Structures are given as C-alpha cells and as structure tokens.
C-alpha cells in the first residue's frame, strides 16, 4: 500500500455510508440488513460492495456487516478484552503489534512541554488513509500529530492540533513525513513518534500501546493499569487528548458497558477503525499463521 493510493478515500466513504445505513435500519427496528439489501441501498452490486470492503480491510469476511454494527464493540469487549495489568507486566512487545510496524517513540521533556513547543519546527501534510484524509504533523524526531479530517474538516483539524503547540513554527512539507506515514498505515520501515504531553497523559498513552490490534479495553482498566483506579474521568480526558490518533490506539478504549464512549475525530471513524482491525484479526486467526512483526517500544 502506498500513501498515494487515492482509492482509500473512496473505500472509506463507502464504509461510512454503510455504517449510516446500518444505523438507520437499527433505529427503525428493522433488524440486520441482508448483504444484497445493504449493497442496494448504497447503489452497488453485491460483488462490487464486497470487493470494496475486501480492498479496504485486506480480507474478504462473510460476516463483514457485523464488524460495522454498534453491537460489535460489546462483542469485542466480551471476547477480546485486554486486561492491561497483565499486558503491561509482560511488556509491550508482541501483543501490541500494529501490522509490521516498528514504532519508536520519544517523550518531550517537561521543559519542552511547558514552553508550548517554542523552538520547534513542525512540518505538516495531508495523506490518504484507510480512514479518510489524515492530517499528519511531525518534528525532526517523529510524528507528533495525526488527525482524521472527515468529521470536522481540514481547517478545524489543523487548528485543533496546532493549538497544542502554540509557540511552534508550522510549515507544509509532506515529503519529510512520507516515510513515517507510509509505515503508519501498513507500509514497511519505521514510524517514529515524538510524544508531546504532560506526564500523566504520556502514562495513559503508553498504556494504550499495550492493547493488541483487534482487541479493546475499558477506561477503568486504563486507570487501574497506570496506578490511578479512581481517575477514570481524568484518564478519559487524557485519551481524548491523544494527538497521534490510530498509532496511539485511543479508539480501542470503551466504556465498561460496552458503549463506544467518545472519539475526538468522530464516532464513525472509531467504529471503522474497530471494524478494520477486528476483521483483519479474524482473518489472521482463521489462517492460523504465525504473527510476524512486532510493535516494539523504545524510549530514549
């Protein structure tokens, strides 16, 4: 996959429309849509719809509609609930894998954080992704921001990320971010992150990295894992402030009830991410092939 692949925007638009149709049917109490009915509502043949989903998710699951439903979050919580205390105790390697990605992250010093990005040169660019247009920002040390613009628009997403570093200098230069972004969305190579946040936020984001792709956890589990079991609301705020969406997988955090909770870049995007990862995980398990590659974390 290359970041120049413009078909991503089309594929994600179809998935977003499918989610809307599934929700509309559910709201009307009509039950689950048959595959041919869902394809017809989207103005597509069944074969075309299935090809689009296959291209988007990388597999061809027979139960793909299930991955997109609201109930999928509850099913994930029942069957693929990661207990973070165990995951963190055994380290972040292996189970936290994201494709074949080698992710190296570095936390900004407290002084750098307090200065609001003063002295930082931040490059930015727009890239296609499996979840619509992605706005990516980065310093010389790695990606420091990733937003998905489909819900709020490009200008608002840029302003949202930029105000996290009010004293930084911003310049458009997608070329310097291309290799990291390629790796972020399933390419080869290394995606480096330059994490900019308060110590409590960094601790929450590090815990998120222990959740395997295709699995979920709860906000309360996150709070317990970082040693603050009563700070569920503060953890939720820190999750929402994650500046590097998808790579730091805040979309994998759910409420204890199985409800989705919030998502800074839109709940349709969160559901699409969960569906994308769950379908890929199911395909891996069905093939029963060894999982190669690992998400390995090293902090400097």
Protein backbone atom coordinates (compact mmCIF):
# COMPACT_ATOMS: atom_id res chain seq x y z
CA UNK A 1 0.00 0.00 0.00
CA UNK A 2 1.27 3.48 -0.78
CA UNK A 3 0.13 6.74 0.72
CA UNK A 4 -0.52 7.98 -2.81
CA UNK A 5 -3.32 5.42 -3.23
CA UNK A 6 -6.33 7.69 -3.81
CA UNK A 7 -8.74 4.73 -3.66
CA UNK A 8 -8.60 4.96 0.15
CA UNK A 9 -10.91 7.97 0.16
CA UNK A 10 -13.49 6.14 -1.96
CA UNK A 11 -13.31 2.95 0.11
CA UNK A 12 -13.70 4.80 3.40
CA UNK A 13 -16.62 6.84 2.02
CA UNK A 14 -18.43 3.59 1.16
CA UNK A 15 -17.79 2.18 4.65
CA UNK A 16 -19.05 5.39 6.27
CA UNK A 17 -22.23 5.23 4.19
CA UNK A 18 -22.67 1.56 5.12
CA UNK A 19 -22.44 2.44 8.81
CA UNK A 20 -25.07 5.14 8.34
CA UNK A 21 -27.44 2.71 6.59
CA UNK A 22 -26.94 0.05 9.27
CA UNK A 23 -27.69 2.60 11.98
CA UNK A 24 -30.77 3.88 10.15
CA UNK A 25 -32.13 0.34 9.86
CA UNK A 26 -31.42 -0.35 13.53
CA UNK A 27 -33.15 2.88 14.59
CA UNK A 28 -36.21 1.83 12.61
CA UNK A 29 -36.26 -1.58 14.33
CA UNK A 30 -35.86 -3.48 11.06
CA UNK A 31 -33.12 -5.81 12.26
CA UNK A 32 -29.93 -6.67 10.41
CA UNK A 33 -29.73 -5.83 6.73
CA UNK A 34 -29.08 -8.66 4.31
CA UNK A 35 -25.93 -8.25 2.24
CA UNK A 36 -27.80 -7.63 -1.00
CA UNK A 37 -30.13 -5.11 0.69
CA UNK A 38 -27.22 -3.16 2.13
CA UNK A 39 -25.42 -3.12 -1.22
CA UNK A 40 -28.62 -1.98 -2.96
CA UNK A 41 -29.08 0.91 -0.52
CA UNK A 42 -25.58 2.04 -1.43
CA UNK A 43 -26.36 1.79 -5.14
CA UNK A 44 -23.81 -1.01 -5.62
CA UNK A 45 -23.88 -4.62 -6.69
CA UNK A 46 -23.13 -7.21 -4.02
CA UNK A 47 -19.93 -8.19 -5.83
CA UNK A 48 -18.76 -4.57 -6.07
CA UNK A 49 -19.54 -3.88 -2.42
CA UNK A 50 -17.67 -7.00 -1.35
CA UNK A 51 -14.67 -6.01 -3.49
CA UNK A 52 -14.63 -2.56 -1.91
CA UNK A 53 -14.69 -3.99 1.59
CA UNK A 54 -12.01 -6.53 0.68
CA UNK A 55 -9.78 -3.77 -0.69
CA UNK A 56 -10.38 -1.59 2.36
CA UNK A 57 -9.80 -4.16 5.08
CA UNK A 58 -7.43 -6.51 3.28
CA UNK A 59 -9.65 -9.58 3.72
CA UNK A 60 -13.00 -10.81 2.41
CA UNK A 61 -15.04 -11.72 5.50
CA UNK A 62 -18.52 -13.21 5.06
CA UNK A 63 -19.71 -11.53 8.24
CA UNK A 64 -18.34 -8.08 7.42
CA UNK A 65 -21.58 -6.25 8.23
CA UNK A 66 -21.24 -7.43 11.82
CA UNK A 67 -17.92 -5.65 12.12
CA UNK A 68 -19.60 -2.32 11.41
CA UNK A 69 -22.52 -2.55 13.85
CA UNK A 70 -22.82 -0.80 17.19
CA UNK A 71 -23.03 -4.21 18.86
CA UNK A 72 -19.56 -5.08 17.61
CA UNK A 73 -18.00 -3.02 20.41
CA UNK A 74 -19.82 -5.07 23.03
CA UNK A 75 -18.78 -8.30 21.32
CA UNK A 76 -15.17 -7.18 21.29
CA UNK A 77 -15.38 -6.33 24.98
CA UNK A 78 -16.79 -9.81 25.70
CA UNK A 79 -14.34 -11.78 23.56
CA UNK A 80 -11.23 -9.62 23.13
CA UNK A 81 -10.93 -7.65 26.30
CA UNK A 82 -7.30 -6.96 27.12
CA UNK A 83 -6.51 -6.82 30.84
CA UNK A 84 -3.87 -4.15 30.78
CA UNK A 85 -2.27 -5.02 34.10
CA UNK A 86 -1.28 -8.37 32.57
CA UNK A 87 -0.23 -6.87 29.25
CA UNK A 88 1.94 -4.23 30.89
CA UNK A 89 3.51 -6.77 33.24
CA UNK A 90 4.68 -8.85 30.29
CA UNK A 91 5.96 -5.85 28.36
CA UNK A 92 4.76 -4.04 25.25
CA UNK A 93 6.34 -6.33 22.66
CA UNK A 94 4.45 -8.79 20.52
CA UNK A 95 0.84 -8.43 21.58
CA UNK A 96 0.81 -4.73 20.81
CA UNK A 97 1.71 -5.38 17.18
CA UNK A 98 0.42 -2.97 14.55
CA UNK A 99 0.97 -4.54 11.10
CA UNK A 100 4.72 -4.90 10.51
CA UNK A 101 5.42 -1.56 12.11
CA UNK A 102 8.46 -0.74 14.16
CA UNK A 103 7.30 2.18 16.27
CA UNK A 104 9.87 4.20 18.17
CA UNK A 105 8.59 6.87 20.48
CA UNK A 106 10.20 9.64 22.42
CA UNK A 107 8.59 11.79 25.10
CA UNK A 108 9.28 15.50 25.11
CA UNK A 109 10.97 16.78 28.26
CA UNK A 110 8.83 18.62 30.85
CA UNK A 111 10.63 21.84 29.99
CA UNK A 112 9.91 21.49 26.28
CA UNK A 113 6.27 20.75 27.04
CA UNK A 114 5.97 23.75 29.36
CA UNK A 115 7.33 26.06 26.65
CA UNK A 116 4.40 25.15 24.37
CA UNK A 117 6.59 23.97 21.53
CA UNK A 118 8.78 27.07 21.46
CA UNK A 119 11.72 26.46 19.14
CA UNK A 120 10.04 23.51 17.42
CA UNK A 121 9.72 23.38 13.66
CA UNK A 122 6.68 21.25 12.81
CA UNK A 123 6.08 20.02 9.29
CA UNK A 124 2.60 19.01 8.19
CA UNK A 125 0.91 17.32 5.26
CA UNK A 126 -2.30 15.65 4.12
CA UNK A 127 -2.30 11.95 3.25
CA UNK A 128 -4.87 9.34 2.17
CA UNK A 129 -5.53 6.60 4.73
CA UNK A 130 -7.93 3.69 5.28
CA UNK A 131 -9.99 6.10 7.42
CA UNK A 132 -10.21 9.06 5.10
CA UNK A 133 -7.91 12.05 4.81
CA UNK A 134 -5.23 12.14 7.51
CA UNK A 135 -3.52 15.31 8.66
CA UNK A 136 -0.03 14.42 9.86
CA UNK A 137 2.39 16.67 11.73
CA UNK A 138 5.96 15.91 12.74
CA UNK A 139 9.16 17.29 14.21
CA UNK A 140 12.64 16.17 13.26
CA UNK A 141 12.26 13.38 15.83
CA UNK A 142 8.99 11.87 14.67
CA UNK A 143 5.25 12.25 14.12
CA UNK A 144 3.76 14.49 16.79
CA UNK A 145 0.22 14.75 15.48
CA UNK A 146 -2.23 12.71 13.42
CA UNK A 147 -5.84 13.72 12.86
CA UNK A 148 -8.64 12.44 10.63
CA UNK A 149 -10.47 15.27 8.92
CA UNK A 150 -13.69 13.61 7.77
CA UNK A 151 -15.82 14.75 10.72
CA UNK A 152 -14.60 18.30 11.40
CA UNK A 153 -12.83 19.28 8.19
CA UNK A 154 -9.20 20.01 7.40
CA UNK A 155 -9.04 23.58 8.74
CA UNK A 156 -10.58 22.69 12.09
CA UNK A 157 -8.39 19.61 12.45
CA UNK A 158 -5.28 21.69 11.73
CA UNK A 159 -6.29 24.30 14.30
CA UNK A 160 -7.02 21.57 16.85
CA UNK A 161 -3.55 20.05 16.53
CA UNK A 162 -1.68 23.34 16.16
CA UNK A 163 -3.03 24.85 19.36
CA UNK A 164 -1.38 22.07 21.34
CA UNK A 165 1.96 23.70 20.48
CA UNK A 166 1.08 27.42 20.36
CA UNK A 167 4.68 28.64 20.08
CA UNK A 168 5.88 26.22 17.40
CA UNK A 169 6.55 27.15 13.78
CA UNK A 170 4.46 25.25 11.22
CA UNK A 171 5.28 24.68 7.57
CA UNK A 172 3.71 22.45 4.94
CA UNK A 173 6.18 19.77 3.87
CA UNK A 174 4.56 16.34 3.39
CA UNK A 175 7.71 14.90 1.83
CA UNK A 176 9.57 14.82 5.15
CA UNK A 177 6.68 12.91 6.74
CA UNK A 178 6.03 10.47 3.91
CA UNK A 179 8.22 7.57 5.10
CA UNK A 180 6.85 7.63 8.65
CA UNK A 181 3.29 7.97 7.39
CA UNK A 182 3.77 5.10 4.94
CA UNK A 183 4.86 2.87 7.83
CA UNK A 184 1.99 4.10 9.99
CA UNK A 185 -0.63 2.78 7.58
CA UNK A 186 0.87 -0.62 6.93
CA UNK A 187 3.94 0.01 4.84
CA UNK A 188 7.45 -1.11 5.65
CA UNK A 189 10.01 0.78 7.67
CA UNK A 190 9.81 2.62 10.94
CA UNK A 191 7.28 5.15 12.18
CA UNK A 192 8.77 7.40 14.81
CA UNK A 193 6.67 9.32 17.29
CA UNK A 194 7.59 12.44 19.22
CA UNK A 195 5.07 12.40 22.06
CA UNK A 196 4.19 15.81 23.39
CA UNK A 197 2.12 15.78 26.57
CA UNK A 198 2.04 16.08 30.33
CA UNK A 199 3.50 13.14 32.34
CA UNK A 200 0.03 11.78 33.25
CA UNK A 201 -1.04 11.90 29.60
CA UNK A 202 2.13 10.14 28.46
CA UNK A 203 1.49 7.38 31.00
CA UNK A 204 -2.05 6.84 29.66
CA UNK A 205 -0.87 6.84 26.05
CA UNK A 206 1.86 4.32 26.87
CA UNK A 207 -0.78 2.02 28.40
CA UNK A 208 -2.86 2.29 25.22
CA UNK A 209 0.07 0.85 23.28
CA UNK A 210 -0.32 -2.42 25.20
CA UNK A 211 -3.74 -3.11 23.61
CA UNK A 212 -3.32 -5.52 20.68
CA UNK A 213 -4.83 -4.67 17.32
CA UNK A 214 -8.33 -6.18 17.11
CA UNK A 215 -8.76 -6.01 20.90
CA UNK A 216 -10.22 -3.42 23.26
CA UNK A 217 -10.04 -2.37 26.88
CA UNK A 218 -12.03 -0.05 29.17
CA UNK A 219 -11.31 3.39 30.57
CA UNK A 220 -11.43 1.92 34.07
CA UNK A 221 -8.86 -0.71 33.12
CA UNK A 222 -6.60 2.02 31.83
CA UNK A 223 -6.94 3.91 35.10
CA UNK A 224 -6.08 0.77 37.10
CA UNK A 225 -3.15 -0.08 34.84
CA UNK A 226 -1.44 3.28 35.43
CA UNK A 227 -1.97 3.11 39.19
CA UNK A 228 -4.87 5.57 39.46
CA UNK A 229 -8.00 3.38 39.64
CA UNK A 230 -10.27 6.24 40.73
CA UNK A 231 -9.12 8.60 37.98
CA UNK A 232 -11.36 7.21 35.25
CA UNK A 233 -12.60 10.62 34.16
CA UNK A 234 -9.07 12.04 34.02
CA UNK A 235 -7.98 9.00 32.01
CA UNK A 236 -10.84 9.59 29.58
CA UNK A 237 -9.71 13.18 29.15
CA UNK A 238 -6.13 12.07 28.51
CA UNK A 239 -7.35 9.51 25.96
CA UNK A 240 -9.25 12.28 24.19
CA UNK A 241 -6.17 14.49 24.16
CA UNK A 242 -4.04 11.91 22.38
CA UNK A 243 -2.50 13.89 19.50
CA UNK A 244 -1.43 10.85 17.46
CA UNK A 245 -4.62 9.04 16.51
CA UNK A 246 -4.56 5.40 15.38
CA UNK A 247 -0.85 4.85 16.20
CA UNK A 248 -1.58 5.54 19.86
CA UNK A 249 -4.80 3.49 19.73
CA UNK A 250 -7.28 5.54 21.75
CA UNK A 251 -10.04 4.06 19.55
CA UNK A 252 -9.58 0.76 21.43
CA UNK A 253 -10.82 2.23 24.72
CA UNK A 254 -14.51 1.61 25.52
CA UNK A 255 -16.84 2.19 28.43
CA UNK A 256 -17.30 -0.72 30.82
CA UNK A 257 -20.86 -1.15 29.50
CA UNK A 258 -19.53 -1.78 26.00
CA UNK A 259 -20.64 1.65 24.78
CA UNK A 260 -18.20 3.29 22.41
CA UNK A 261 -17.59 6.37 24.52
CA UNK A 262 -16.28 9.38 22.64
CA UNK A 263 -13.75 9.80 19.88
CA UNK A 264 -12.13 13.11 19.09
CA UNK A 265 -12.23 12.59 15.32
CA UNK A 266 -15.78 11.22 15.14
CA UNK A 267 -17.52 8.01 16.19
CA UNK A 268 -17.92 6.82 12.59
CA UNK A 269 -14.14 6.87 12.30
CA UNK A 270 -13.77 5.00 15.62
CA UNK A 271 -16.20 2.29 14.53
CA UNK A 272 -14.48 1.96 11.17
CA UNK A 273 -11.12 1.50 12.89
CA UNK A 274 -12.50 -1.16 15.22
CA UNK A 275 -14.16 -2.96 12.28
CA UNK A 276 -10.99 -2.77 10.18
CA UNK A 277 -8.83 -4.20 12.96
CA UNK A 278 -11.33 -6.87 14.06
CA UNK A 279 -11.76 -8.18 10.53
CA UNK A 280 -8.01 -8.35 9.98
CA UNK A 281 -7.54 -10.11 13.32
CA UNK A 282 -10.23 -12.67 12.49
CA UNK A 283 -8.57 -13.40 9.17
CA UNK A 284 -5.21 -13.90 10.87
CA UNK A 285 -6.72 -16.30 13.39
CA UNK A 286 -8.53 -18.28 10.69
CA UNK A 287 -5.33 -18.70 8.76
CA UNK A 288 -3.64 -19.79 12.00
CA UNK A 289 -0.41 -18.38 10.68
CA UNK A 290 2.37 -17.15 12.97
CA UNK A 291 2.07 -13.43 13.59
CA UNK A 292 5.22 -11.82 12.26
CA UNK A 293 6.45 -8.38 13.11
CA UNK A 294 6.03 -6.59 16.41
CA UNK A 295 5.25 -3.20 17.75
CA UNK A 296 8.35 -2.58 19.79
CA UNK A 297 8.58 0.39 22.04
CA UNK A 298 11.83 2.05 22.94
CA UNK A 299 12.01 5.35 24.78
CA UNK A 300 15.13 7.44 24.64
